[in-house]
Amino acid sequence: MEVKRILIVDDEPNIVMSLEYAFKKKSYEVFIARDGTEAFEIAKEQSPQVILLDIMMPKMDGYETLKKIKEVDHLKNTNVIFLSAKSKTNDIEKGMSLGADDYVTKPFSVKKLIEKVEAIVLKNTKQAD
């Protein structure tokens, strides 16, 4: 079975730590980035199946990060879930229009988020077969 790889991008350490712990328990290889610039570099090197992406971050916000990720050939089909405190309809629509697969507003349930990620990974595994 192939390794499940996830990139968690958030500048809030407690969110990163709880998600990292939860996904490692589910046998994911977890990569961490604290801002969009770092996230873009890690994504290019590691090609994660799923990226959990915060929107409001230093250096480069989540929207800009997603645009850059979608421009890279080997990343354009990467699944991206926005995790954001921005819960207005137009923020969500903007995120989805840029190519995000889902949009989860903070505060969120870690259990529900893992279920969403697992569903995406499972769907991708079936498509690859």
N, C-alpha and C. Protein backbone atom coordinates (compact mmCIF):
# COMPACT_ATOMS: atom_id res chain seq x y z
N MET A 1 0.85 -1.20 0.00
CA MET A 1 0.00 0.00 0.00
C MET A 1 0.88 1.25 0.00
N GLU A 2 0.49 2.22 -0.80
CA GLU A 2 1.33 3.41 -0.86
C GLU A 2 1.16 4.27 0.40
N VAL A 3 2.19 5.04 0.67
CA VAL A 3 2.19 5.91 1.85
C VAL A 3 1.23 7.07 1.61
N LYS A 4 0.42 7.37 2.62
CA LYS A 4 -0.48 8.52 2.54
C LYS A 4 0.30 9.73 3.02
N ARG A 5 0.37 10.75 2.17
CA ARG A 5 1.15 11.95 2.51
C ARG A 5 0.24 13.17 2.58
N ILE A 6 0.40 13.93 3.66
CA ILE A 6 -0.43 15.12 3.84
C ILE A 6 0.46 16.30 4.23
N LEU A 7 0.13 17.45 3.69
CA LEU A 7 0.83 18.69 4.05
C LEU A 7 -0.15 19.56 4.82
N ILE A 8 0.24 19.92 6.03
CA ILE A 8 -0.60 20.77 6.88
C ILE A 8 0.03 22.16 6.89
N VAL A 9 -0.75 23.14 6.44
CA VAL A 9 -0.23 24.51 6.33
C VAL A 9 -1.05 25.43 7.22
N ASP A 10 -0.45 25.89 8.31
CA ASP A 10 -1.15 26.79 9.22
C ASP A 10 -0.11 27.49 10.08
N ASP A 11 -0.39 28.73 10.45
CA ASP A 11 0.56 29.46 11.29
C ASP A 11 0.18 29.40 12.77
N GLU A 12 -0.86 28.62 13.10
CA GLU A 12 -1.24 28.45 14.51
C GLU A 12 -0.68 27.12 15.01
N PRO A 13 0.34 27.17 15.89
CA PRO A 13 1.02 25.95 16.33
C PRO A 13 0.10 24.90 16.94
N ASN A 14 -0.91 25.30 17.71
CA ASN A 14 -1.78 24.29 18.35
C ASN A 14 -2.62 23.53 17.32
N ILE A 15 -3.02 24.20 16.23
CA ILE A 15 -3.75 23.52 15.17
C ILE A 15 -2.82 22.53 14.47
N VAL A 16 -1.63 22.99 14.14
CA VAL A 16 -0.65 22.13 13.46
C VAL A 16 -0.34 20.90 14.31
N MET A 17 -0.10 21.11 15.60
CA MET A 17 0.27 19.99 16.47
C MET A 17 -0.86 18.97 16.61
N SER A 18 -2.09 19.44 16.79
CA SER A 18 -3.19 18.49 16.96
C SER A 18 -3.44 17.72 15.67
N LEU A 19 -3.36 18.40 14.52
CA LEU A 19 -3.57 17.71 13.24
C LEU A 19 -2.43 16.75 12.92
N GLU A 20 -1.22 17.19 13.20
CA GLU A 20 -0.06 16.32 12.95
C GLU A 20 -0.19 15.02 13.75
N TYR A 21 -0.53 15.15 15.01
CA TYR A 21 -0.70 13.99 15.89
C TYR A 21 -1.81 13.07 15.35
N ALA A 22 -2.96 13.66 15.01
CA ALA A 22 -4.11 12.89 14.55
C ALA A 22 -3.81 12.14 13.25
N PHE A 23 -3.14 12.79 12.31
CA PHE A 23 -2.86 12.13 11.03
C PHE A 23 -1.73 11.11 11.15
N LYS A 24 -0.77 11.34 12.03
CA LYS A 24 0.28 10.34 12.23
C LYS A 24 -0.31 9.06 12.83
N LYS A 25 -1.30 9.22 13.71
CA LYS A 25 -1.99 8.06 14.28
C LYS A 25 -2.70 7.25 13.20
N LYS A 26 -3.08 7.92 12.10
CA LYS A 26 -3.75 7.26 10.97
C LYS A 26 -2.74 6.82 9.91
N SER A 27 -1.46 6.77 10.28
CA SER A 27 -0.38 6.30 9.40
C SER A 27 -0.09 7.21 8.20
N TYR A 28 -0.29 8.49 8.37
CA TYR A 28 0.07 9.44 7.31
C TYR A 28 1.51 9.89 7.50
N GLU A 29 2.19 10.17 6.40
CA GLU A 29 3.45 10.88 6.46
C GLU A 29 3.05 12.35 6.45
N VAL A 30 3.42 13.08 7.50
CA VAL A 30 2.93 14.45 7.68
C VAL A 30 4.04 15.46 7.44
N PHE A 31 3.74 16.46 6.61
CA PHE A 31 4.66 17.58 6.39
C PHE A 31 3.98 18.83 6.91
N ILE A 32 4.80 19.74 7.44
CA ILE A 32 4.27 20.95 8.08
C ILE A 32 4.86 22.19 7.41
N ALA A 33 4.01 23.17 7.17
CA ALA A 33 4.49 24.48 6.70
C ALA A 33 3.77 25.55 7.50
N ARG A 34 4.47 26.64 7.79
CA ARG A 34 3.89 27.72 8.61
C ARG A 34 3.40 28.90 7.77
N ASP A 35 3.74 28.90 6.49
CA ASP A 35 3.27 29.98 5.61
C ASP A 35 3.21 29.46 4.17
N GLY A 36 2.62 30.25 3.30
CA GLY A 36 2.40 29.82 1.93
C GLY A 36 3.66 29.54 1.14
N THR A 37 4.68 30.36 1.36
CA THR A 37 5.95 30.18 0.62
C THR A 37 6.57 28.83 0.96
N GLU A 38 6.63 28.53 2.25
CA GLU A 38 7.17 27.25 2.71
C GLU A 38 6.31 26.09 2.19
N ALA A 39 5.00 26.28 2.22
CA ALA A 39 4.07 25.24 1.75
C ALA A 39 4.32 24.91 0.29
N PHE A 40 4.51 25.93 -0.52
CA PHE A 40 4.72 25.73 -1.95
C PHE A 40 6.00 24.92 -2.20
N GLU A 41 7.06 25.27 -1.47
CA GLU A 41 8.34 24.55 -1.63
C GLU A 41 8.19 23.08 -1.21
N ILE A 42 7.55 22.83 -0.08
CA ILE A 42 7.38 21.45 0.41
C ILE A 42 6.49 20.65 -0.56
N ALA A 43 5.43 21.28 -1.04
CA ALA A 43 4.52 20.60 -1.97
C ALA A 43 5.27 20.16 -3.23
N LYS A 44 6.12 21.05 -3.76
CA LYS A 44 6.88 20.71 -4.98
C LYS A 44 7.80 19.52 -4.74
N GLU A 45 8.43 19.48 -3.55
CA GLU A 45 9.38 18.40 -3.23
C GLU A 45 8.69 17.10 -2.87
N GLN A 46 7.61 17.15 -2.08
CA GLN A 46 7.03 15.95 -1.48
C GLN A 46 5.80 15.40 -2.19
N SER A 47 5.17 16.19 -3.06
CA SER A 47 3.94 15.78 -3.76
C SER A 47 2.92 15.08 -2.84
N PRO A 48 2.41 15.79 -1.83
CA PRO A 48 1.42 15.16 -0.94
C PRO A 48 0.12 14.90 -1.70
N GLN A 49 -0.66 13.91 -1.22
CA GLN A 49 -1.96 13.65 -1.86
C GLN A 49 -2.98 14.71 -1.45
N VAL A 50 -2.83 15.19 -0.21
CA VAL A 50 -3.78 16.17 0.30
C VAL A 50 -3.02 17.30 0.98
N ILE A 51 -3.51 18.53 0.77
CA ILE A 51 -2.94 19.70 1.45
C ILE A 51 -4.07 20.35 2.24
N LEU A 52 -3.85 20.52 3.53
CA LEU A 52 -4.78 21.28 4.38
C LEU A 52 -4.20 22.69 4.44
N LEU A 53 -4.93 23.65 3.94
CA LEU A 53 -4.37 24.98 3.71
C LEU A 53 -5.14 26.07 4.42
N ASP A 54 -4.45 26.77 5.31
CA ASP A 54 -5.03 27.93 5.97
C ASP A 54 -5.04 29.08 4.96
N ILE A 55 -5.89 30.07 5.16
CA ILE A 55 -5.92 31.20 4.23
C ILE A 55 -5.12 32.38 4.75
N MET A 56 -5.37 32.77 6.00
CA MET A 56 -4.68 33.95 6.53
C MET A 56 -3.35 33.54 7.16
N MET A 57 -2.27 33.76 6.39
CA MET A 57 -0.93 33.40 6.84
C MET A 57 0.06 34.47 6.42
N PRO A 58 1.23 34.48 7.10
CA PRO A 58 2.27 35.43 6.68
C PRO A 58 2.85 35.07 5.30
N LYS A 59 3.55 36.01 4.69
CA LYS A 59 4.26 35.88 3.41
C LYS A 59 3.34 35.70 2.21
N MET A 60 2.63 34.58 2.16
CA MET A 60 1.74 34.32 1.02
C MET A 60 0.48 33.66 1.57
N ASP A 61 -0.69 34.25 1.26
CA ASP A 61 -1.92 33.67 1.82
C ASP A 61 -2.31 32.37 1.09
N GLY A 62 -3.32 31.70 1.64
CA GLY A 62 -3.74 30.41 1.10
C GLY A 62 -4.24 30.48 -0.33
N TYR A 63 -4.94 31.57 -0.67
CA TYR A 63 -5.46 31.71 -2.04
C TYR A 63 -4.29 31.73 -3.03
N GLU A 64 -3.31 32.57 -2.72
CA GLU A 64 -2.13 32.72 -3.59
C GLU A 64 -1.35 31.40 -3.67
N THR A 65 -1.23 30.73 -2.53
CA THR A 65 -0.52 29.45 -2.47
C THR A 65 -1.21 28.43 -3.38
N LEU A 66 -2.54 28.36 -3.30
CA LEU A 66 -3.28 27.41 -4.13
C LEU A 66 -3.08 27.72 -5.61
N LYS A 67 -3.13 29.00 -5.98
CA LYS A 67 -2.91 29.38 -7.38
C LYS A 67 -1.56 28.85 -7.87
N LYS A 68 -0.52 29.05 -7.05
CA LYS A 68 0.83 28.62 -7.44
C LYS A 68 0.92 27.09 -7.53
N ILE A 69 0.29 26.40 -6.59
CA ILE A 69 0.32 24.92 -6.61
C ILE A 69 -0.34 24.40 -7.88
N LYS A 70 -1.47 24.98 -8.26
CA LYS A 70 -2.21 24.52 -9.44
C LYS A 70 -1.45 24.80 -10.75
N GLU A 71 -0.44 25.68 -10.70
CA GLU A 71 0.36 25.98 -11.90
C GLU A 71 1.46 24.94 -12.14
N VAL A 72 1.75 24.12 -11.13
CA VAL A 72 2.82 23.13 -11.26
C VAL A 72 2.24 21.82 -11.79
N ASP A 73 2.82 21.33 -12.89
CA ASP A 73 2.27 20.13 -13.55
C ASP A 73 2.00 18.97 -12.61
N HIS A 74 3.00 18.56 -11.83
CA HIS A 74 2.81 17.36 -11.00
C HIS A 74 1.97 17.62 -9.75
N LEU A 75 1.53 18.87 -9.55
CA LEU A 75 0.70 19.19 -8.38
C LEU A 75 -0.72 19.59 -8.75
N LYS A 76 -1.00 19.80 -10.03
CA LYS A 76 -2.30 20.40 -10.36
C LYS A 76 -3.50 19.53 -9.98
N ASN A 77 -3.29 18.22 -9.79
CA ASN A 77 -4.39 17.36 -9.35
C ASN A 77 -4.37 17.06 -7.86
N THR A 78 -3.49 17.75 -7.13
CA THR A 78 -3.41 17.56 -5.68
C THR A 78 -4.70 18.05 -5.03
N ASN A 79 -5.22 17.27 -4.09
CA ASN A 79 -6.44 17.67 -3.38
C ASN A 79 -6.09 18.70 -2.30
N VAL A 80 -6.84 19.79 -2.29
CA VAL A 80 -6.60 20.86 -1.32
C VAL A 80 -7.88 21.14 -0.56
N ILE A 81 -7.76 21.15 0.77
CA ILE A 81 -8.89 21.53 1.63
C ILE A 81 -8.49 22.80 2.38
N PHE A 82 -9.25 23.85 2.18
CA PHE A 82 -8.99 25.07 2.94
C PHE A 82 -9.48 24.89 4.36
N LEU A 83 -8.68 25.38 5.31
CA LEU A 83 -9.06 25.43 6.73
C LEU A 83 -8.98 26.89 7.09
N SER A 84 -10.10 27.51 7.37
CA SER A 84 -10.02 28.94 7.61
C SER A 84 -11.06 29.46 8.58
N ALA A 85 -10.69 30.53 9.25
CA ALA A 85 -11.64 31.24 10.12
C ALA A 85 -12.54 32.12 9.26
N LYS A 86 -12.17 32.32 7.99
CA LYS A 86 -12.98 33.13 7.08
C LYS A 86 -14.19 32.30 6.65
N SER A 87 -15.36 32.64 7.19
CA SER A 87 -16.53 31.79 6.94
C SER A 87 -17.60 32.46 6.09
N LYS A 88 -17.28 33.63 5.52
CA LYS A 88 -18.27 34.30 4.67
C LYS A 88 -18.41 33.53 3.36
N THR A 89 -19.60 33.56 2.81
CA THR A 89 -19.88 32.84 1.56
C THR A 89 -18.90 33.22 0.46
N ASN A 90 -18.58 34.52 0.32
CA ASN A 90 -17.69 34.91 -0.77
C ASN A 90 -16.26 34.39 -0.56
N ASP A 91 -15.81 34.24 0.69
CA ASP A 91 -14.49 33.64 0.95
C ASP A 91 -14.49 32.18 0.51
N ILE A 92 -15.56 31.47 0.86
CA ILE A 92 -15.68 30.05 0.52
C ILE A 92 -15.76 29.89 -1.00
N GLU A 93 -16.58 30.73 -1.64
CA GLU A 93 -16.71 30.65 -3.11
C GLU A 93 -15.38 30.94 -3.79
N LYS A 94 -14.64 31.92 -3.28
CA LYS A 94 -13.34 32.24 -3.86
C LYS A 94 -12.41 31.03 -3.75
N GLY A 95 -12.37 30.41 -2.57
CA GLY A 95 -11.52 29.24 -2.36
C GLY A 95 -11.87 28.10 -3.30
N MET A 96 -13.16 27.83 -3.44
CA MET A 96 -13.61 26.73 -4.30
C MET A 96 -13.34 27.06 -5.77
N SER A 97 -13.50 28.33 -6.15
CA SER A 97 -13.29 28.70 -7.56
C SER A 97 -11.82 28.60 -7.95
N LEU A 98 -10.93 28.66 -6.98
CA LEU A 98 -9.50 28.52 -7.27
C LEU A 98 -9.08 27.05 -7.41
N GLY A 99 -10.03 26.15 -7.13
CA GLY A 99 -9.72 24.74 -7.33
C GLY A 99 -9.61 23.92 -6.06
N ALA A 100 -10.05 24.47 -4.92
CA ALA A 100 -10.02 23.68 -3.68
C ALA A 100 -11.07 22.58 -3.77
N ASP A 101 -10.82 21.46 -3.09
CA ASP A 101 -11.76 20.35 -3.08
C ASP A 101 -12.80 20.49 -1.99
N ASP A 102 -12.44 21.24 -0.94
CA ASP A 102 -13.36 21.42 0.16
C ASP A 102 -12.93 22.66 0.93
N TYR A 103 -13.80 23.12 1.81
CA TYR A 103 -13.54 24.33 2.59
C TYR A 103 -14.11 24.09 3.98
N VAL A 104 -13.25 24.05 4.96
CA VAL A 104 -13.68 23.76 6.34
C VAL A 104 -13.43 25.01 7.18
N THR A 105 -14.46 25.46 7.88
CA THR A 105 -14.29 26.67 8.69
C THR A 105 -13.85 26.31 10.11
N LYS A 106 -13.02 27.19 10.68
CA LYS A 106 -12.55 27.04 12.06
C LYS A 106 -13.59 27.68 12.98
N PRO A 107 -13.79 27.17 14.19
CA PRO A 107 -13.21 25.92 14.71
C PRO A 107 -13.84 24.71 14.02
N PHE A 108 -13.07 23.63 13.91
CA PHE A 108 -13.55 22.45 13.20
C PHE A 108 -13.33 21.21 14.06
N SER A 109 -14.00 20.15 13.68
CA SER A 109 -13.83 18.87 14.36
C SER A 109 -12.69 18.11 13.67
N VAL A 110 -11.67 17.76 14.43
CA VAL A 110 -10.53 17.01 13.87
C VAL A 110 -11.02 15.68 13.30
N LYS A 111 -11.93 15.05 14.01
CA LYS A 111 -12.48 13.76 13.56
C LYS A 111 -13.17 13.89 12.20
N LYS A 112 -14.00 14.93 12.05
CA LYS A 112 -14.70 15.14 10.77
C LYS A 112 -13.72 15.47 9.66
N LEU A 113 -12.69 16.25 9.99
CA LEU A 113 -11.68 16.61 8.99
C LEU A 113 -10.94 15.36 8.52
N ILE A 114 -10.57 14.50 9.44
CA ILE A 114 -9.89 13.25 9.07
C ILE A 114 -10.80 12.42 8.16
N GLU A 115 -12.08 12.38 8.47
CA GLU A 115 -13.02 11.63 7.63
C GLU A 115 -13.06 12.19 6.21
N LYS A 116 -13.05 13.53 6.07
CA LYS A 116 -13.04 14.15 4.74
C LYS A 116 -11.77 13.77 3.98
N VAL A 117 -10.62 13.87 4.68
CA VAL A 117 -9.33 13.54 4.05
C VAL A 117 -9.29 12.08 3.63
N GLU A 118 -9.72 11.20 4.53
CA GLU A 118 -9.72 9.76 4.24
C GLU A 118 -10.60 9.46 3.01
N ALA A 119 -11.73 10.13 2.91
CA ALA A 119 -12.63 9.92 1.77
C ALA A 119 -11.95 10.33 0.46
N ILE A 120 -11.24 11.46 0.48
CA ILE A 120 -10.51 11.92 -0.71
C ILE A 120 -9.41 10.94 -1.09
N VAL A 121 -8.63 10.52 -0.10
CA VAL A 121 -7.52 9.59 -0.37
C VAL A 121 -8.05 8.26 -0.92
N LEU A 122 -9.14 7.79 -0.34
CA LEU A 122 -9.76 6.55 -0.79
C LEU A 122 -10.25 6.66 -2.23
N LYS A 123 -10.90 7.78 -2.52
CA LYS A 123 -11.41 8.03 -3.88
C LYS A 123 -10.24 8.04 -4.89
N ASN A 124 -9.15 8.70 -4.52
CA ASN A 124 -7.98 8.79 -5.40
C ASN A 124 -7.33 7.42 -5.60
N THR A 125 -7.30 6.61 -4.55
CA THR A 125 -6.70 5.28 -4.62
C THR A 125 -7.52 4.42 -5.59
N LYS A 126 -8.85 4.53 -5.50
CA LYS A 126 -9.72 3.76 -6.39
C LYS A 126 -9.55 4.19 -7.83
N GLN A 127 -9.38 5.49 -8.06
CA GLN A 127 -9.20 6.00 -9.43
C GLN A 127 -7.87 5.51 -10.02
N ALA A 128 -6.87 5.38 -9.15
CA ALA A 128 -5.54 4.96 -9.61
C ALA A 128 -5.50 3.48 -9.98
N ASP A 129 -6.40 2.70 -9.39
CA ASP A 129 -6.40 1.24 -9.67
C ASP A 129 -6.72 0.90 -11.11
